[in-house]
Amino acid sequence: MPEQNNLERHTLIYELIKTLREKDNWCGETHVQKTTYFLEELTGHKLSYRFVLYKHGPYSFELSEDLSTMDAYRFVEDEIAHPAYGPRLKPNREVEQMLRTNFGRLATEFSCPIEFVAEKLSGYGVATLERLATALYFTKHSPEQEGVEKAKKINRVKPHISEALALQALKQVNQILEEWNNIQIRGLSSKPAHTLRPP
């Protein structure tokens, strides 16, 4: 069996897949890749997945390996919903309680960002998710550039994404980041005052 830290990470991905499915997302590997990338960026890379800019936007080979491992241990299963499309990832409910009880620490810590990311991204298909994740990648890696310059850069790297669509994606990403920051601020302000004071 995988080690404790990996199992906690698998449990978190299990919860992400379950939440996406509950929101009627198709939930193929691309959907999980892009939503996990958003999770990483919103939470300060606490999952430690390394993402690179790949064929269809940010991609983690480590996450792909984790999904294969989860499939091998039957934490998730491939579901062929339509022969014309790739498989959907389906959480195996038989292992849900075992994962939560024994390896649920990280998933519990991430419950708020998982819900937020799923709420914001579950309604999109792979093409839109590629644009949004790529826009987030350039937003994080080129923070000094203006939106128009970032849109041109995205178009140069991904010619199938027009500058107009890239700029639209950048604006959506900025809105998502702003909403998340507001949630973080509200969360801090709701804590007892003594927890906000420096040691």
C-alpha atoms as a PDB file:
ATOM      1  CA  MET A   1       0.000   0.000   0.000  1.00  0.00           C
ATOM      2  CA  PRO A   2       1.156   3.607  -0.524  1.00  0.00           C
ATOM      3  CA  GLU A   3       2.631   5.427   2.459  1.00  0.00           C
ATOM      4  CA  GLN A   4       0.579   7.582   4.859  1.00  0.00           C
ATOM      5  CA  ASN A   5       1.232  10.953   3.152  1.00  0.00           C
ATOM      6  CA  ASN A   6       0.304   9.580  -0.251  1.00  0.00           C
ATOM      7  CA  LEU A   7      -2.871   8.025   1.120  1.00  0.00           C
ATOM      8  CA  GLU A   8      -3.883  11.359   2.639  1.00  0.00           C
ATOM      9  CA  ARG A   9      -3.323  12.984  -0.744  1.00  0.00           C
ATOM     10  CA  HIS A  10      -5.310  10.208  -2.443  1.00  0.00           C
ATOM     11  CA  THR A  11      -8.152  10.772  -0.003  1.00  0.00           C
ATOM     12  CA  LEU A  12      -8.189  14.475  -0.843  1.00  0.00           C
ATOM     13  CA  ILE A  13      -8.325  13.732  -4.583  1.00  0.00           C
ATOM     14  CA  TYR A  14     -11.087  11.202  -3.865  1.00  0.00           C
ATOM     15  CA  GLU A  15     -13.098  13.954  -2.128  1.00  0.00           C
ATOM     16  CA  LEU A  16     -12.465  16.355  -5.016  1.00  0.00           C
ATOM     17  CA  ILE A  17     -13.704  13.772  -7.536  1.00  0.00           C
ATOM     18  CA  LYS A  18     -16.774  13.041  -5.407  1.00  0.00           C
ATOM     19  CA  THR A  19     -17.580  16.756  -5.071  1.00  0.00           C
ATOM     20  CA  LEU A  20     -17.179  17.364  -8.818  1.00  0.00           C
ATOM     21  CA  ARG A  21     -19.458  14.427  -9.591  1.00  0.00           C
ATOM     22  CA  GLU A  22     -22.064  15.719  -7.139  1.00  0.00           C
ATOM     23  CA  LYS A  23     -22.079  18.971  -9.124  1.00  0.00           C
ATOM     24  CA  ASP A  24     -22.667  17.067 -12.396  1.00  0.00           C
ATOM     25  CA  ASN A  25     -19.144  17.531 -13.718  1.00  0.00           C
ATOM     26  CA  TRP A  26     -18.010  14.981 -16.325  1.00  0.00           C
ATOM     27  CA  CYS A  27     -14.936  14.344 -14.173  1.00  0.00           C
ATOM     28  CA  GLY A  28     -12.412  12.822 -16.541  1.00  0.00           C
ATOM     29  CA  GLU A  29      -8.702  13.059 -15.780  1.00  0.00           C
ATOM     30  CA  THR A  30      -8.417  16.477 -17.469  1.00  0.00           C
ATOM     31  CA  HIS A  31     -11.094  17.898 -15.168  1.00  0.00           C
ATOM     32  CA  VAL A  32      -9.243  16.554 -12.131  1.00  0.00           C
ATOM     33  CA  GLN A  33      -5.909  17.848 -13.402  1.00  0.00           C
ATOM     34  CA  LYS A  34      -7.168  21.397 -13.902  1.00  0.00           C
ATOM     35  CA  THR A  35      -9.210  21.626 -10.694  1.00  0.00           C
ATOM     36  CA  THR A  36      -6.290  20.218  -8.684  1.00  0.00           C
ATOM     37  CA  TYR A  37      -4.047  22.879 -10.225  1.00  0.00           C
ATOM     38  CA  PHE A  38      -6.430  25.539  -8.963  1.00  0.00           C
ATOM     39  CA  LEU A  39      -6.367  23.896  -5.530  1.00  0.00           C
ATOM     40  CA  GLU A  40      -2.576  24.000  -5.496  1.00  0.00           C
ATOM     41  CA  GLU A  41      -2.411  27.675  -6.417  1.00  0.00           C
ATOM     42  CA  LEU A  42      -5.177  28.746  -4.034  1.00  0.00           C
ATOM     43  CA  THR A  43      -3.689  26.910  -1.051  1.00  0.00           C
ATOM     44  CA  GLY A  44       0.008  27.647  -1.484  1.00  0.00           C
ATOM     45  CA  HIS A  45       1.041  24.323  -3.037  1.00  0.00           C
ATOM     46  CA  LYS A  46       0.267  22.282   0.068  1.00  0.00           C
ATOM     47  CA  LEU A  47      -0.314  19.153  -2.018  1.00  0.00           C
ATOM     48  CA  SER A  48       3.201  19.381  -3.500  1.00  0.00           C
ATOM     49  CA  TYR A  49       2.147  18.410  -7.024  1.00  0.00           C
ATOM     50  CA  ARG A  50       4.500  19.848  -9.624  1.00  0.00           C
ATOM     51  CA  PHE A  51       2.623  21.253 -12.614  1.00  0.00           C
ATOM     52  CA  VAL A  52       4.194  22.055 -15.973  1.00  0.00           C
ATOM     53  CA  LEU A  53       2.654  23.851 -18.934  1.00  0.00           C
ATOM     54  CA  TYR A  54       1.844  20.932 -21.216  1.00  0.00           C
ATOM     55  CA  LYS A  55      -0.210  20.253 -24.350  1.00  0.00           C
ATOM     56  CA  HIS A  56      -3.543  21.287 -22.861  1.00  0.00           C
ATOM     57  CA  GLY A  57      -2.480  23.590 -20.055  1.00  0.00           C
ATOM     58  CA  PRO A  58      -0.973  22.891 -16.625  1.00  0.00           C
ATOM     59  CA  TYR A  59      -0.391  19.180 -16.072  1.00  0.00           C
ATOM     60  CA  SER A  60       1.101  17.122 -13.256  1.00  0.00           C
ATOM     61  CA  PHE A  61       2.701  13.780 -14.054  1.00  0.00           C
ATOM     62  CA  GLU A  62       2.705  13.025 -10.322  1.00  0.00           C
ATOM     63  CA  LEU A  63      -1.049  13.527 -10.161  1.00  0.00           C
ATOM     64  CA  SER A  64      -1.485  11.260 -13.167  1.00  0.00           C
ATOM     65  CA  GLU A  65       0.534   8.581 -11.350  1.00  0.00           C
ATOM     66  CA  ASP A  66      -1.590   9.078  -8.219  1.00  0.00           C
ATOM     67  CA  LEU A  67      -4.780   8.596 -10.244  1.00  0.00           C
ATOM     68  CA  SER A  68      -3.353   5.374 -11.703  1.00  0.00           C
ATOM     69  CA  THR A  69      -2.490   4.178  -8.194  1.00  0.00           C
ATOM     70  CA  MET A  70      -5.964   5.078  -6.947  1.00  0.00           C
ATOM     71  CA  ASP A  71      -7.444   3.085  -9.820  1.00  0.00           C
ATOM     72  CA  ALA A  72      -5.185   0.104  -9.035  1.00  0.00           C
ATOM     73  CA  TYR A  73      -6.344   0.096  -5.400  1.00  0.00           C
ATOM     74  CA  ARG A  74      -9.962   0.630  -6.494  1.00  0.00           C
ATOM     75  CA  PHE A  75     -10.314   3.957  -4.713  1.00  0.00           C
ATOM     76  CA  VAL A  76     -11.728   5.223  -8.019  1.00  0.00           C
ATOM     77  CA  GLU A  77     -13.026   3.405 -11.077  1.00  0.00           C
ATOM     78  CA  ASP A  78     -13.243   4.232 -14.767  1.00  0.00           C
ATOM     79  CA  GLU A  79     -16.801   4.683 -15.957  1.00  0.00           C
ATOM     80  CA  ILE A  80     -17.497   4.547 -19.692  1.00  0.00           C
ATOM     81  CA  ALA A  81     -20.557   6.760 -20.003  1.00  0.00           C
ATOM     82  CA  HIS A  82     -20.301   7.202 -23.778  1.00  0.00           C
ATOM     83  CA  PRO A  83     -18.039   5.340 -26.244  1.00  0.00           C
ATOM     84  CA  ALA A  84     -17.194   8.579 -28.054  1.00  0.00           C
ATOM     85  CA  TYR A  85     -15.652  10.143 -24.943  1.00  0.00           C
ATOM     86  CA  GLY A  86     -12.933   9.227 -22.484  1.00  0.00           C
ATOM     87  CA  PRO A  87     -13.767   7.539 -19.180  1.00  0.00           C
ATOM     88  CA  ARG A  88     -15.209   9.388 -16.215  1.00  0.00           C
ATOM     89  CA  LEU A  89     -13.627   8.898 -12.811  1.00  0.00           C
ATOM     90  CA  LYS A  90     -16.062   7.431 -10.307  1.00  0.00           C
ATOM     91  CA  PRO A  91     -15.332   7.257  -6.560  1.00  0.00           C
ATOM     92  CA  ASN A  92     -15.728   3.798  -5.060  1.00  0.00           C
ATOM     93  CA  ARG A  93     -18.175   4.348  -2.194  1.00  0.00           C
ATOM     94  CA  GLU A  94     -17.116   1.061  -0.568  1.00  0.00           C
ATOM     95  CA  VAL A  95     -13.793   2.602   0.514  1.00  0.00           C
ATOM     96  CA  GLU A  96     -15.068   6.100   1.355  1.00  0.00           C
ATOM     97  CA  GLN A  97     -15.464   5.592   5.109  1.00  0.00           C
ATOM     98  CA  MET A  98     -12.123   3.779   5.397  1.00  0.00           C
ATOM     99  CA  LEU A  99     -10.287   6.601   3.620  1.00  0.00           C
ATOM    100  CA  ARG A 100     -11.997   9.342   5.626  1.00  0.00           C
ATOM    101  CA  THR A 101     -11.443   7.631   8.982  1.00  0.00           C
ATOM    102  CA  ASN A 102      -7.813   6.671   8.481  1.00  0.00           C
ATOM    103  CA  PHE A 103      -6.451   9.200   6.003  1.00  0.00           C
ATOM    104  CA  GLY A 104      -8.882  12.132   6.010  1.00  0.00           C
ATOM    105  CA  ARG A 105      -6.771  14.793   7.763  1.00  0.00           C
ATOM    106  CA  LEU A 106      -5.721  16.608   4.581  1.00  0.00           C
ATOM    107  CA  ALA A 107      -9.138  16.293   2.939  1.00  0.00           C
ATOM    108  CA  THR A 108     -10.749  17.835   6.035  1.00  0.00           C
ATOM    109  CA  GLU A 109      -8.237  20.702   5.994  1.00  0.00           C
ATOM    110  CA  PHE A 110      -9.018  21.299   2.311  1.00  0.00           C
ATOM    111  CA  SER A 111     -12.809  20.955   2.559  1.00  0.00           C
ATOM    112  CA  CYS A 112     -13.435  24.676   1.981  1.00  0.00           C
ATOM    113  CA  PRO A 113     -11.120  25.094  -1.056  1.00  0.00           C
ATOM    114  CA  ILE A 114     -12.395  21.816  -2.554  1.00  0.00           C
ATOM    115  CA  GLU A 115     -15.967  23.085  -2.363  1.00  0.00           C
ATOM    116  CA  PHE A 116     -14.960  26.507  -3.704  1.00  0.00           C
ATOM    117  CA  VAL A 117     -13.008  25.133  -6.680  1.00  0.00           C
ATOM    118  CA  ALA A 118     -15.718  22.610  -7.525  1.00  0.00           C
ATOM    119  CA  GLU A 119     -18.385  25.324  -7.351  1.00  0.00           C
ATOM    120  CA  LYS A 120     -16.417  27.636  -9.635  1.00  0.00           C
ATOM    121  CA  LEU A 121     -15.192  25.102 -12.198  1.00  0.00           C
ATOM    122  CA  SER A 122     -17.579  22.136 -12.258  1.00  0.00           C
ATOM    123  CA  GLY A 123     -19.761  23.646 -14.990  1.00  0.00           C
ATOM    124  CA  TYR A 124     -16.949  23.883 -17.545  1.00  0.00           C
ATOM    125  CA  GLY A 125     -15.759  21.447 -20.194  1.00  0.00           C
ATOM    126  CA  VAL A 126     -12.150  20.631 -20.972  1.00  0.00           C
ATOM    127  CA  ALA A 127     -11.608  23.469 -23.491  1.00  0.00           C
ATOM    128  CA  THR A 128     -12.698  26.161 -21.036  1.00  0.00           C
ATOM    129  CA  LEU A 129     -10.782  24.511 -18.193  1.00  0.00           C
ATOM    130  CA  GLU A 130      -7.653  24.547 -20.331  1.00  0.00           C
ATOM    131  CA  ARG A 131      -8.038  28.288 -20.921  1.00  0.00           C
ATOM    132  CA  LEU A 132      -8.737  29.055 -17.270  1.00  0.00           C
ATOM    133  CA  ALA A 133      -5.893  26.907 -15.925  1.00  0.00           C
ATOM    134  CA  THR A 134      -3.481  28.355 -18.494  1.00  0.00           C
ATOM    135  CA  ALA A 135      -4.612  31.873 -17.558  1.00  0.00           C
ATOM    136  CA  LEU A 136      -3.984  31.058 -13.896  1.00  0.00           C
ATOM    137  CA  TYR A 137      -0.536  29.694 -14.772  1.00  0.00           C
ATOM    138  CA  PHE A 138       0.492  32.928 -16.484  1.00  0.00           C
ATOM    139  CA  THR A 139      -1.144  35.043 -13.784  1.00  0.00           C
ATOM    140  CA  LYS A 140       1.025  33.332 -11.179  1.00  0.00           C
ATOM    141  CA  HIS A 141       4.209  33.136 -13.248  1.00  0.00           C
ATOM    142  CA  SER A 142       4.046  36.625 -14.828  1.00  0.00           C
ATOM    143  CA  PRO A 143       2.364  38.781 -12.158  1.00  0.00           C
ATOM    144  CA  GLU A 144       4.121  41.932 -13.366  1.00  0.00           C
ATOM    145  CA  GLN A 145       2.586  41.811 -16.846  1.00  0.00           C
ATOM    146  CA  GLU A 146      -0.635  43.559 -17.790  1.00  0.00           C
ATOM    147  CA  GLY A 147      -3.619  41.479 -18.845  1.00  0.00           C
ATOM    148  CA  VAL A 148      -3.275  42.298 -22.550  1.00  0.00           C
ATOM    149  CA  GLU A 149       0.403  41.287 -22.524  1.00  0.00           C
ATOM    150  CA  LYS A 150      -0.395  38.037 -20.739  1.00  0.00           C
ATOM    151  CA  ALA A 151      -3.153  37.326 -23.280  1.00  0.00           C
ATOM    152  CA  LYS A 152      -0.673  37.791 -26.134  1.00  0.00           C
ATOM    153  CA  LYS A 153       1.787  35.494 -24.382  1.00  0.00           C
ATOM    154  CA  ILE A 154      -0.878  32.812 -23.925  1.00  0.00           C
ATOM    155  CA  ASN A 155      -1.761  33.064 -27.620  1.00  0.00           C
ATOM    156  CA  ARG A 156       1.908  32.680 -28.610  1.00  0.00           C
ATOM    157  CA  VAL A 157       2.302  29.549 -26.478  1.00  0.00           C
ATOM    158  CA  LYS A 158      -1.176  28.177 -27.258  1.00  0.00           C
ATOM    159  CA  PRO A 159      -2.124  29.454 -30.756  1.00  0.00           C
ATOM    160  CA  HIS A 160      -5.524  27.730 -30.598  1.00  0.00           C
ATOM    161  CA  ILE A 161      -6.443  30.108 -27.759  1.00  0.00           C
ATOM    162  CA  SER A 162      -7.183  33.503 -29.300  1.00  0.00           C
ATOM    163  CA  GLU A 163      -6.073  36.682 -27.551  1.00  0.00           C
ATOM    164  CA  ALA A 164      -9.724  37.574 -26.940  1.00  0.00           C
ATOM    165  CA  LEU A 165     -10.458  34.224 -25.271  1.00  0.00           C
ATOM    166  CA  ALA A 166      -7.210  34.427 -23.314  1.00  0.00           C
ATOM    167  CA  LEU A 167      -8.106  37.892 -22.030  1.00  0.00           C
ATOM    168  CA  GLN A 168     -11.582  36.686 -21.067  1.00  0.00           C
ATOM    169  CA  ALA A 169     -10.036  33.745 -19.191  1.00  0.00           C
ATOM    170  CA  LEU A 170      -7.610  36.051 -17.377  1.00  0.00           C
ATOM    171  CA  LYS A 171     -10.507  38.220 -16.203  1.00  0.00           C
ATOM    172  CA  GLN A 172     -12.393  35.158 -14.959  1.00  0.00           C
ATOM    173  CA  VAL A 173      -9.319  33.943 -13.105  1.00  0.00           C
ATOM    174  CA  ASN A 174      -8.858  37.341 -11.463  1.00  0.00           C
ATOM    175  CA  GLN A 175     -12.479  37.221 -10.288  1.00  0.00           C
ATOM    176  CA  ILE A 176     -11.970  33.719  -8.863  1.00  0.00           C
ATOM    177  CA  LEU A 177      -8.779  34.785  -7.059  1.00  0.00           C
ATOM    178  CA  GLU A 178     -10.495  37.884  -5.674  1.00  0.00           C
ATOM    179  CA  GLU A 179     -13.431  35.829  -4.384  1.00  0.00           C
ATOM    180  CA  TRP A 180     -11.070  33.351  -2.742  1.00  0.00           C
ATOM    181  CA  ASN A 181      -9.085  36.148  -1.120  1.00  0.00           C
ATOM    182  CA  ASN A 182     -12.316  37.603   0.270  1.00  0.00           C
ATOM    183  CA  ILE A 183     -13.247  34.209   1.712  1.00  0.00           C
ATOM    184  CA  GLN A 184      -9.821  33.999   3.346  1.00  0.00           C
ATOM    185  CA  ILE A 185     -10.195  37.497   4.833  1.00  0.00           C
ATOM    186  CA  ARG A 186     -13.674  36.703   6.183  1.00  0.00           C
ATOM    187  CA  GLY A 187     -12.315  33.496   7.683  1.00  0.00           C
ATOM    188  CA  LEU A 188      -9.554  35.374   9.490  1.00  0.00           C
ATOM    189  CA  SER A 189     -11.890  38.087  10.724  1.00  0.00           C
ATOM    190  CA  SER A 190     -14.246  35.478  12.217  1.00  0.00           C
ATOM    191  CA  LYS A 191     -11.499  34.019  14.442  1.00  0.00           C
ATOM    192  CA  PRO A 192     -11.038  35.187  18.055  1.00  0.00           C
ATOM    193  CA  ALA A 193      -8.967  38.364  18.237  1.00  0.00           C
ATOM    194  CA  HIS A 194      -6.094  36.771  20.146  1.00  0.00           C
ATOM    195  CA  THR A 195      -5.383  34.401  17.231  1.00  0.00           C
ATOM    196  CA  LEU A 196      -4.651  37.366  14.980  1.00  0.00           C
ATOM    197  CA  ARG A 197      -1.967  38.864  17.177  1.00  0.00           C
ATOM    198  CA  PRO A 198       1.671  38.127  16.414  1.00  0.00           C
ATOM    199  CA  PRO A 199       3.465  35.878  18.917  1.00  0.00           C
END
